[in-house]
């Protein structure tokens, strides 16, 4: 694995210092070509376990494996020269113990050349976050809606509407920040609560389905680009509508193949005269 250019990328420590100075632009990336397109415009690229749903057609992220995350992490690192690259630790790879989390996080860093790992959880994961960060592994936290816990939370829904939920998310955010995470995602959380947490914690908050008051934003790149028209969460804005363009291009290709107009003579190799 080549890590050429690694030192030129934005570091987790630099991301942390951006709080209060400028907003942090983040998107997910899963492949080298997409990473190259996103990299000049983003401060942080997340190799999210959302790839299970986006690329592999899974119903949830629970089935994603560590090997899958490492393979896609390697691909994104190859395409990123500027942005900080963070790789998700998938479900089951860190919850058992802080020692398990360290072994798997260290493997991700060594095999991909990424800049840090992301894990979901608040108070219950604070000890693990502290264990990792004290041993040289930068951790990107994740509170609020946690997709890896979808089987116990009853599905995907916004959180923080009740006092009990809001208090839990507040405690989670403070615990993750105090444990040493360099930043945290706040997902699927009612806007006033996400705004309040952003003002309360010392590290940057990256919102998705949260608040414009967060220190930055992240979206799944395929959602933002409009590659999926059958599902659009409330928090997603299509900055392009690529799905119809792809469909139209494939339709035109199919028609030309059937009509034998592609390949034309200029697309073939001819004997030298």
C-alpha atoms as a PDB file:
ATOM      1  CA  UNK A   1       0.000   0.000   0.000  1.00  0.00           C
ATOM      2  CA  UNK A   2       1.273   3.419  -0.898  1.00  0.00           C
ATOM      3  CA  UNK A   3       0.736   6.315   1.484  1.00  0.00           C
ATOM      4  CA  UNK A   4       2.347   8.896  -0.786  1.00  0.00           C
ATOM      5  CA  UNK A   5       0.783  12.286  -0.102  1.00  0.00           C
ATOM      6  CA  UNK A   6      -0.597  11.176   3.276  1.00  0.00           C
ATOM      7  CA  UNK A   7       1.096  14.016   5.162  1.00  0.00           C
ATOM      8  CA  UNK A   8      -0.511  16.571   2.838  1.00  0.00           C
ATOM      9  CA  UNK A   9      -4.032  15.591   3.836  1.00  0.00           C
ATOM     10  CA  UNK A  10      -5.936  17.512   6.484  1.00  0.00           C
ATOM     11  CA  UNK A  11      -5.372  15.848   9.836  1.00  0.00           C
ATOM     12  CA  UNK A  12      -7.950  15.045  12.533  1.00  0.00           C
ATOM     13  CA  UNK A  13      -6.155  17.554  14.774  1.00  0.00           C
ATOM     14  CA  UNK A  14      -6.656  20.231  12.096  1.00  0.00           C
ATOM     15  CA  UNK A  15     -10.353  19.325  11.823  1.00  0.00           C
ATOM     16  CA  UNK A  16     -10.694  19.816  15.576  1.00  0.00           C
ATOM     17  CA  UNK A  17      -9.231  23.323  15.369  1.00  0.00           C
ATOM     18  CA  UNK A  18     -11.818  24.339  12.773  1.00  0.00           C
ATOM     19  CA  UNK A  19     -14.535  24.669  15.407  1.00  0.00           C
ATOM     20  CA  UNK A  20     -15.494  28.319  15.592  1.00  0.00           C
ATOM     21  CA  UNK A  21     -13.231  29.282  12.699  1.00  0.00           C
ATOM     22  CA  UNK A  22     -14.894  27.850   9.582  1.00  0.00           C
ATOM     23  CA  UNK A  23     -17.487  25.285   8.602  1.00  0.00           C
ATOM     24  CA  UNK A  24     -16.399  21.748   7.790  1.00  0.00           C
ATOM     25  CA  UNK A  25     -17.480  20.205   4.471  1.00  0.00           C
ATOM     26  CA  UNK A  26     -17.850  16.435   4.540  1.00  0.00           C
ATOM     27  CA  UNK A  27     -19.219  13.735   2.235  1.00  0.00           C
ATOM     28  CA  UNK A  28     -19.100   9.968   2.056  1.00  0.00           C
ATOM     29  CA  UNK A  29     -16.855   8.268  -0.491  1.00  0.00           C
ATOM     30  CA  UNK A  30     -16.453   4.592  -1.300  1.00  0.00           C
ATOM     31  CA  UNK A  31     -14.360   4.426  -4.490  1.00  0.00           C
ATOM     32  CA  UNK A  32     -11.211   5.986  -5.924  1.00  0.00           C
ATOM     33  CA  UNK A  33     -12.857   7.866  -8.844  1.00  0.00           C
ATOM     34  CA  UNK A  34     -15.498   9.459  -6.610  1.00  0.00           C
ATOM     35  CA  UNK A  35     -12.895  10.314  -3.955  1.00  0.00           C
ATOM     36  CA  UNK A  36     -10.869  12.155  -6.599  1.00  0.00           C
ATOM     37  CA  UNK A  37     -13.922  14.210  -7.594  1.00  0.00           C
ATOM     38  CA  UNK A  38     -14.938  15.062  -4.032  1.00  0.00           C
ATOM     39  CA  UNK A  39     -11.472  15.597  -2.568  1.00  0.00           C
ATOM     40  CA  UNK A  40     -10.749  19.186  -3.754  1.00  0.00           C
ATOM     41  CA  UNK A  41     -14.003  20.441  -2.246  1.00  0.00           C
ATOM     42  CA  UNK A  42     -14.143  18.556   1.059  1.00  0.00           C
ATOM     43  CA  UNK A  43     -12.336  18.822   4.371  1.00  0.00           C
ATOM     44  CA  UNK A  44     -13.286  15.288   5.369  1.00  0.00           C
ATOM     45  CA  UNK A  45     -14.230  12.167   3.414  1.00  0.00           C
ATOM     46  CA  UNK A  46     -15.982   9.425   5.344  1.00  0.00           C
ATOM     47  CA  UNK A  47     -15.804   5.843   4.141  1.00  0.00           C
ATOM     48  CA  UNK A  48     -19.142   5.121   5.753  1.00  0.00           C
ATOM     49  CA  UNK A  49     -20.638   1.742   6.506  1.00  0.00           C
ATOM     50  CA  UNK A  50     -23.560   3.179   4.549  1.00  0.00           C
ATOM     51  CA  UNK A  51     -21.765   1.490   1.656  1.00  0.00           C
ATOM     52  CA  UNK A  52     -23.631  -1.643   2.683  1.00  0.00           C
ATOM     53  CA  UNK A  53     -26.886  -0.036   1.586  1.00  0.00           C
ATOM     54  CA  UNK A  54     -25.550   2.262  -1.149  1.00  0.00           C
ATOM     55  CA  UNK A  55     -23.245  -0.172  -2.946  1.00  0.00           C
ATOM     56  CA  UNK A  56     -24.334  -3.627  -1.819  1.00  0.00           C
ATOM     57  CA  UNK A  57     -28.106  -3.290  -1.578  1.00  0.00           C
ATOM     58  CA  UNK A  58     -28.347  -4.262   2.086  1.00  0.00           C
ATOM     59  CA  UNK A  59     -31.383  -3.296   4.134  1.00  0.00           C
ATOM     60  CA  UNK A  60     -29.231  -1.904   6.972  1.00  0.00           C
ATOM     61  CA  UNK A  61     -25.556  -1.353   7.766  1.00  0.00           C
ATOM     62  CA  UNK A  62     -25.452  -4.279  10.214  1.00  0.00           C
ATOM     63  CA  UNK A  63     -24.161  -6.778   7.633  1.00  0.00           C
ATOM     64  CA  UNK A  64     -21.084  -4.754   6.667  1.00  0.00           C
ATOM     65  CA  UNK A  65     -17.767  -6.454   7.467  1.00  0.00           C
ATOM     66  CA  UNK A  66     -14.385  -5.107   8.487  1.00  0.00           C
ATOM     67  CA  UNK A  67     -12.846  -6.492   5.292  1.00  0.00           C
ATOM     68  CA  UNK A  68     -15.374  -4.522   3.226  1.00  0.00           C
ATOM     69  CA  UNK A  69     -14.520  -1.325   5.081  1.00  0.00           C
ATOM     70  CA  UNK A  70     -10.794  -1.878   4.613  1.00  0.00           C
ATOM     71  CA  UNK A  71     -11.128  -2.551   0.868  1.00  0.00           C
ATOM     72  CA  UNK A  72     -13.127   0.627   0.312  1.00  0.00           C
ATOM     73  CA  UNK A  73     -10.917   2.587   2.704  1.00  0.00           C
ATOM     74  CA  UNK A  74      -7.903   1.668   0.590  1.00  0.00           C
ATOM     75  CA  UNK A  75      -9.754   2.802  -2.538  1.00  0.00           C
ATOM     76  CA  UNK A  76     -10.666   6.195  -1.080  1.00  0.00           C
ATOM     77  CA  UNK A  77      -7.181   6.850   0.318  1.00  0.00           C
ATOM     78  CA  UNK A  78      -5.795   6.290  -3.185  1.00  0.00           C
ATOM     79  CA  UNK A  79      -8.039   9.065  -4.467  1.00  0.00           C
ATOM     80  CA  UNK A  80      -7.662  11.595  -1.636  1.00  0.00           C
ATOM     81  CA  UNK A  81      -4.794  14.076  -1.629  1.00  0.00           C
ATOM     82  CA  UNK A  82      -6.396  16.875   0.391  1.00  0.00           C
ATOM     83  CA  UNK A  83      -9.273  15.734   2.595  1.00  0.00           C
ATOM     84  CA  UNK A  84      -8.981  13.918   5.898  1.00  0.00           C
ATOM     85  CA  UNK A  85     -10.082  10.299   5.338  1.00  0.00           C
ATOM     86  CA  UNK A  86     -12.002   8.544   8.113  1.00  0.00           C
ATOM     87  CA  UNK A  87     -13.197   4.933   7.965  1.00  0.00           C
ATOM     88  CA  UNK A  88     -16.226   3.601   9.836  1.00  0.00           C
ATOM     89  CA  UNK A  89     -15.752   0.683  12.194  1.00  0.00           C
ATOM     90  CA  UNK A  90     -18.631  -1.656  11.264  1.00  0.00           C
ATOM     91  CA  UNK A  91     -21.105  -3.266  13.633  1.00  0.00           C
ATOM     92  CA  UNK A  92     -19.548  -5.967  15.805  1.00  0.00           C
ATOM     93  CA  UNK A  93     -15.963  -4.810  15.307  1.00  0.00           C
ATOM     94  CA  UNK A  94     -15.634  -2.643  18.434  1.00  0.00           C
ATOM     95  CA  UNK A  95     -18.572  -3.072  20.817  1.00  0.00           C
ATOM     96  CA  UNK A  96     -17.289  -6.208  22.590  1.00  0.00           C
ATOM     97  CA  UNK A  97     -14.361  -4.550  24.358  1.00  0.00           C
ATOM     98  CA  UNK A  98     -11.974  -1.648  24.114  1.00  0.00           C
ATOM     99  CA  UNK A  99      -9.220  -4.139  23.285  1.00  0.00           C
ATOM    100  CA  UNK A 100     -11.205  -5.519  20.350  1.00  0.00           C
ATOM    101  CA  UNK A 101     -11.824  -1.955  19.195  1.00  0.00           C
ATOM    102  CA  UNK A 102      -8.104  -1.174  19.330  1.00  0.00           C
ATOM    103  CA  UNK A 103      -7.105  -4.291  17.372  1.00  0.00           C
ATOM    104  CA  UNK A 104      -9.592  -3.594  14.606  1.00  0.00           C
ATOM    105  CA  UNK A 105      -9.017   0.165  14.504  1.00  0.00           C
ATOM    106  CA  UNK A 106      -5.248  -0.369  14.324  1.00  0.00           C
ATOM    107  CA  UNK A 107      -5.762  -2.827  11.471  1.00  0.00           C
ATOM    108  CA  UNK A 108      -7.883  -0.284   9.588  1.00  0.00           C
ATOM    109  CA  UNK A 109      -5.254   2.446   9.979  1.00  0.00           C
ATOM    110  CA  UNK A 110      -2.360   0.175   9.004  1.00  0.00           C
ATOM    111  CA  UNK A 111      -4.044  -1.455   6.006  1.00  0.00           C
ATOM    112  CA  UNK A 112      -5.717   1.629   4.519  1.00  0.00           C
ATOM    113  CA  UNK A 113      -3.469   4.555   5.451  1.00  0.00           C
ATOM    114  CA  UNK A 114      -6.564   6.506   6.565  1.00  0.00           C
ATOM    115  CA  UNK A 115      -6.426   9.271   9.168  1.00  0.00           C
ATOM    116  CA  UNK A 116      -8.802   7.905  11.790  1.00  0.00           C
ATOM    117  CA  UNK A 117     -11.856   5.780  12.511  1.00  0.00           C
ATOM    118  CA  UNK A 118     -15.492   6.514  13.315  1.00  0.00           C
ATOM    119  CA  UNK A 119     -17.590   4.611  15.793  1.00  0.00           C
ATOM    120  CA  UNK A 120     -21.144   4.986  17.022  1.00  0.00           C
ATOM    121  CA  UNK A 121     -22.115   5.376  20.650  1.00  0.00           C
ATOM    122  CA  UNK A 122     -22.125   7.777  23.558  1.00  0.00           C
ATOM    123  CA  UNK A 123     -21.716   7.121  27.271  1.00  0.00           C
ATOM    124  CA  UNK A 124     -21.353   3.378  26.751  1.00  0.00           C
ATOM    125  CA  UNK A 125     -18.465   3.897  24.293  1.00  0.00           C
ATOM    126  CA  UNK A 126     -16.640   6.703  26.118  1.00  0.00           C
ATOM    127  CA  UNK A 127     -14.140   4.344  27.730  1.00  0.00           C
ATOM    128  CA  UNK A 128     -13.371   2.833  24.319  1.00  0.00           C
ATOM    129  CA  UNK A 129     -12.924   6.266  22.735  1.00  0.00           C
ATOM    130  CA  UNK A 130     -10.488   7.245  25.495  1.00  0.00           C
ATOM    131  CA  UNK A 131      -8.632   3.932  25.147  1.00  0.00           C
ATOM    132  CA  UNK A 132      -8.170   4.433  21.398  1.00  0.00           C
ATOM    133  CA  UNK A 133      -7.232   8.093  21.454  1.00  0.00           C
ATOM    134  CA  UNK A 134      -4.695   7.599  24.245  1.00  0.00           C
ATOM    135  CA  UNK A 135      -3.038   4.980  22.059  1.00  0.00           C
ATOM    136  CA  UNK A 136      -2.690   7.081  18.939  1.00  0.00           C
ATOM    137  CA  UNK A 137      -5.933   6.345  17.089  1.00  0.00           C
ATOM    138  CA  UNK A 138      -8.004   9.439  16.207  1.00  0.00           C
ATOM    139  CA  UNK A 139     -11.713   8.836  16.798  1.00  0.00           C
ATOM    140  CA  UNK A 140     -14.652  10.495  15.060  1.00  0.00           C
ATOM    141  CA  UNK A 141     -17.709  10.094  17.295  1.00  0.00           C
ATOM    142  CA  UNK A 142     -21.344   9.558  16.308  1.00  0.00           C
ATOM    143  CA  UNK A 143     -24.379  10.344  18.484  1.00  0.00           C
ATOM    144  CA  UNK A 144     -28.102  10.781  18.004  1.00  0.00           C
ATOM    145  CA  UNK A 145     -29.569   8.356  15.500  1.00  0.00           C
ATOM    146  CA  UNK A 146     -27.137   5.447  15.253  1.00  0.00           C
ATOM    147  CA  UNK A 147     -27.858   3.233  12.223  1.00  0.00           C
ATOM    148  CA  UNK A 148     -25.950   0.261  13.673  1.00  0.00           C
ATOM    149  CA  UNK A 149     -28.494   0.161  16.504  1.00  0.00           C
ATOM    150  CA  UNK A 150     -31.517   0.165  14.207  1.00  0.00           C
ATOM    151  CA  UNK A 151     -32.611  -3.261  15.455  1.00  0.00           C
ATOM    152  CA  UNK A 152     -32.952  -2.038  19.034  1.00  0.00           C
ATOM    153  CA  UNK A 153     -34.242   1.481  18.401  1.00  0.00           C
ATOM    154  CA  UNK A 154     -37.191   0.504  16.234  1.00  0.00           C
ATOM    155  CA  UNK A 155     -36.063   1.858  12.884  1.00  0.00           C
ATOM    156  CA  UNK A 156     -34.883   5.118  11.395  1.00  0.00           C
ATOM    157  CA  UNK A 157     -36.534   8.149  13.003  1.00  0.00           C
ATOM    158  CA  UNK A 158     -35.585  11.539  14.351  1.00  0.00           C
ATOM    159  CA  UNK A 159     -34.570  11.580  18.001  1.00  0.00           C
ATOM    160  CA  UNK A 160     -34.605  14.078  20.854  1.00  0.00           C
ATOM    161  CA  UNK A 161     -38.287  14.968  20.897  1.00  0.00           C
ATOM    162  CA  UNK A 162     -38.870  13.689  24.423  1.00  0.00           C
ATOM    163  CA  UNK A 163     -36.995  14.961  27.468  1.00  0.00           C
ATOM    164  CA  UNK A 164     -35.637  11.469  28.096  1.00  0.00           C
ATOM    165  CA  UNK A 165     -34.247  11.133  24.573  1.00  0.00           C
ATOM    166  CA  UNK A 166     -32.819  14.644  24.589  1.00  0.00           C
ATOM    167  CA  UNK A 167     -31.078  14.132  27.928  1.00  0.00           C
ATOM    168  CA  UNK A 168     -29.533  10.876  26.692  1.00  0.00           C
ATOM    169  CA  UNK A 169     -28.185  12.504  23.526  1.00  0.00           C
ATOM    170  CA  UNK A 170     -26.771  15.423  25.546  1.00  0.00           C
ATOM    171  CA  UNK A 171     -24.963  13.024  27.879  1.00  0.00           C
ATOM    172  CA  UNK A 172     -23.708  10.970  24.930  1.00  0.00           C
ATOM    173  CA  UNK A 173     -22.286  14.024  23.186  1.00  0.00           C
ATOM    174  CA  UNK A 174     -20.518  15.305  26.283  1.00  0.00           C
ATOM    175  CA  UNK A 175     -19.111  11.847  27.043  1.00  0.00           C
ATOM    176  CA  UNK A 176     -17.695  11.421  23.532  1.00  0.00           C
ATOM    177  CA  UNK A 177     -16.149  14.905  23.548  1.00  0.00           C
ATOM    178  CA  UNK A 178     -14.615  14.476  26.999  1.00  0.00           C
ATOM    179  CA  UNK A 179     -13.248  11.046  26.035  1.00  0.00           C
ATOM    180  CA  UNK A 180     -11.055  12.624  23.372  1.00  0.00           C
ATOM    181  CA  UNK A 181     -12.889  12.366  20.041  1.00  0.00           C
ATOM    182  CA  UNK A 182     -11.676  15.009  17.579  1.00  0.00           C
ATOM    183  CA  UNK A 183     -15.192  15.607  16.198  1.00  0.00           C
ATOM    184  CA  UNK A 184     -18.597  13.953  16.187  1.00  0.00           C
ATOM    185  CA  UNK A 185     -21.502  13.336  13.870  1.00  0.00           C
ATOM    186  CA  UNK A 186     -24.929  14.327  15.155  1.00  0.00           C
ATOM    187  CA  UNK A 187     -27.483  12.386  13.125  1.00  0.00           C
ATOM    188  CA  UNK A 188     -31.270  12.500  12.964  1.00  0.00           C
ATOM    189  CA  UNK A 189     -31.634  14.832  15.933  1.00  0.00           C
ATOM    190  CA  UNK A 190     -34.191  17.600  16.322  1.00  0.00           C
ATOM    191  CA  UNK A 191     -32.735  20.941  15.289  1.00  0.00           C
ATOM    192  CA  UNK A 192     -32.825  22.856  18.610  1.00  0.00           C
ATOM    193  CA  UNK A 193     -31.054  19.996  20.403  1.00  0.00           C
ATOM    194  CA  UNK A 194     -28.332  19.706  17.741  1.00  0.00           C
ATOM    195  CA  UNK A 195     -27.828  23.478  17.987  1.00  0.00           C
ATOM    196  CA  UNK A 196     -27.587  23.290  21.776  1.00  0.00           C
ATOM    197  CA  UNK A 197     -25.061  20.429  21.725  1.00  0.00           C
ATOM    198  CA  UNK A 198     -22.913  22.235  19.162  1.00  0.00           C
ATOM    199  CA  UNK A 199     -22.665  25.226  21.480  1.00  0.00           C
ATOM    200  CA  UNK A 200     -21.946  23.042  24.505  1.00  0.00           C
ATOM    201  CA  UNK A 201     -19.171  20.727  23.305  1.00  0.00           C
ATOM    202  CA  UNK A 202     -15.584  21.760  22.667  1.00  0.00           C
ATOM    203  CA  UNK A 203     -15.148  19.690  19.493  1.00  0.00           C
ATOM    204  CA  UNK A 204     -16.736  20.165  16.058  1.00  0.00           C
ATOM    205  CA  UNK A 205     -20.149  18.702  15.372  1.00  0.00           C
ATOM    206  CA  UNK A 206     -20.945  17.447  11.872  1.00  0.00           C
ATOM    207  CA  UNK A 207     -24.653  17.392  11.200  1.00  0.00           C
ATOM    208  CA  UNK A 208     -26.777  15.061   9.106  1.00  0.00           C
ATOM    209  CA  UNK A 209     -30.454  15.575   9.670  1.00  0.00           C
ATOM    210  CA  UNK A 210     -29.526  17.924  12.516  1.00  0.00           C
ATOM    211  CA  UNK A 211     -28.925  21.703  12.290  1.00  0.00           C
ATOM    212  CA  UNK A 212     -27.291  24.341  10.116  1.00  0.00           C
ATOM    213  CA  UNK A 213     -25.759  25.566  13.388  1.00  0.00           C
ATOM    214  CA  UNK A 214     -23.521  22.489  13.502  1.00  0.00           C
ATOM    215  CA  UNK A 215     -19.831  23.084  12.803  1.00  0.00           C
ATOM    216  CA  UNK A 216     -20.114  21.209   9.505  1.00  0.00           C
ATOM    217  CA  UNK A 217     -22.351  18.993   7.426  1.00  0.00           C
ATOM    218  CA  UNK A 218     -22.161  15.540   5.877  1.00  0.00           C
ATOM    219  CA  UNK A 219     -24.363  13.694   3.386  1.00  0.00           C
ATOM    220  CA  UNK A 220     -24.148  10.390   1.583  1.00  0.00           C
ATOM    221  CA  UNK A 221     -22.655  11.466  -1.741  1.00  0.00           C
ATOM    222  CA  UNK A 222     -24.966   9.244  -3.800  1.00  0.00           C
ATOM    223  CA  UNK A 223     -27.983  10.884  -2.135  1.00  0.00           C
ATOM    224  CA  UNK A 224     -26.622  14.395  -2.664  1.00  0.00           C
ATOM    225  CA  UNK A 225     -25.957  13.643  -6.339  1.00  0.00           C
ATOM    226  CA  UNK A 226     -29.474  12.347  -6.928  1.00  0.00           C
ATOM    227  CA  UNK A 227     -28.459   8.821  -7.892  1.00  0.00           C
ATOM    228  CA  UNK A 228     -31.393   7.399  -5.925  1.00  0.00           C
ATOM    229  CA  UNK A 229     -34.815   8.736  -6.778  1.00  0.00           C
ATOM    230  CA  UNK A 230     -36.857   6.050  -5.034  1.00  0.00           C
ATOM    231  CA  UNK A 231     -35.826   7.145  -1.525  1.00  0.00           C
ATOM    232  CA  UNK A 232     -35.193  10.669  -0.309  1.00  0.00           C
ATOM    233  CA  UNK A 233     -34.985  11.325   3.440  1.00  0.00           C
ATOM    234  CA  UNK A 234     -36.197  14.694   4.673  1.00  0.00           C
ATOM    235  CA  UNK A 235     -32.644  15.841   5.432  1.00  0.00           C
ATOM    236  CA  UNK A 236     -31.323  15.151   1.915  1.00  0.00           C
ATOM    237  CA  UNK A 237     -31.098  17.802  -0.785  1.00  0.00           C
ATOM    238  CA  UNK A 238     -30.346  16.716  -4.347  1.00  0.00           C
ATOM    239  CA  UNK A 239     -27.662  19.078  -5.625  1.00  0.00           C
ATOM    240  CA  UNK A 240     -27.869  17.215  -8.944  1.00  0.00           C
ATOM    241  CA  UNK A 241     -30.251  14.726 -10.566  1.00  0.00           C
ATOM    242  CA  UNK A 242     -27.855  12.175 -12.006  1.00  0.00           C
ATOM    243  CA  UNK A 243     -30.175   9.166 -12.028  1.00  0.00           C
ATOM    244  CA  UNK A 244     -32.190  10.342 -15.074  1.00  0.00           C
ATOM    245  CA  UNK A 245     -28.956  11.259 -16.891  1.00  0.00           C
ATOM    246  CA  UNK A 246     -27.483   7.809 -16.285  1.00  0.00           C
ATOM    247  CA  UNK A 247     -30.689   6.125 -17.391  1.00  0.00           C
ATOM    248  CA  UNK A 248     -30.898   8.224 -20.554  1.00  0.00           C
ATOM    249  CA  UNK A 249     -27.248   7.549 -21.416  1.00  0.00           C
ATOM    250  CA  UNK A 250     -27.698   3.797 -21.002  1.00  0.00           C
ATOM    251  CA  UNK A 251     -30.859   3.910 -23.107  1.00  0.00           C
ATOM    252  CA  UNK A 252     -28.976   5.698 -25.907  1.00  0.00           C
ATOM    253  CA  UNK A 253     -26.133   3.188 -25.689  1.00  0.00           C
ATOM    254  CA  UNK A 254     -28.536   0.250 -25.883  1.00  0.00           C
ATOM    255  CA  UNK A 255     -30.272   1.704 -28.942  1.00  0.00           C
ATOM    256  CA  UNK A 256     -26.974   2.235 -30.781  1.00  0.00           C
ATOM    257  CA  UNK A 257     -25.771  -1.274 -29.978  1.00  0.00           C
ATOM    258  CA  UNK A 258     -29.009  -2.767 -31.282  1.00  0.00           C
ATOM    259  CA  UNK A 259     -28.826  -0.602 -34.426  1.00  0.00           C
ATOM    260  CA  UNK A 260     -25.126  -1.449 -34.988  1.00  0.00           C
ATOM    261  CA  UNK A 261     -24.297   2.258 -35.026  1.00  0.00           C
ATOM    262  CA  UNK A 262     -21.934   1.731 -32.097  1.00  0.00           C
ATOM    263  CA  UNK A 263     -19.106   1.079 -32.374  1.00  0.00           C
ATOM    264  CA  UNK A 264     -18.609   3.333 -35.389  1.00  0.00           C
ATOM    265  CA  UNK A 265     -15.468   3.068 -37.495  1.00  0.00           C
ATOM    266  CA  UNK A 266     -13.674   5.646 -35.332  1.00  0.00           C
ATOM    267  CA  UNK A 267     -14.182   3.420 -32.291  1.00  0.00           C
ATOM    268  CA  UNK A 268     -12.439   0.424 -33.863  1.00  0.00           C
ATOM    269  CA  UNK A 269      -8.848  -0.529 -34.691  1.00  0.00           C
ATOM    270  CA  UNK A 270      -7.978  -0.876 -38.387  1.00  0.00           C
ATOM    271  CA  UNK A 271      -4.980  -2.531 -40.053  1.00  0.00           C
ATOM    272  CA  UNK A 272      -2.152  -0.185 -40.906  1.00  0.00           C
ATOM    273  CA  UNK A 273      -1.917   0.555 -44.646  1.00  0.00           C
END
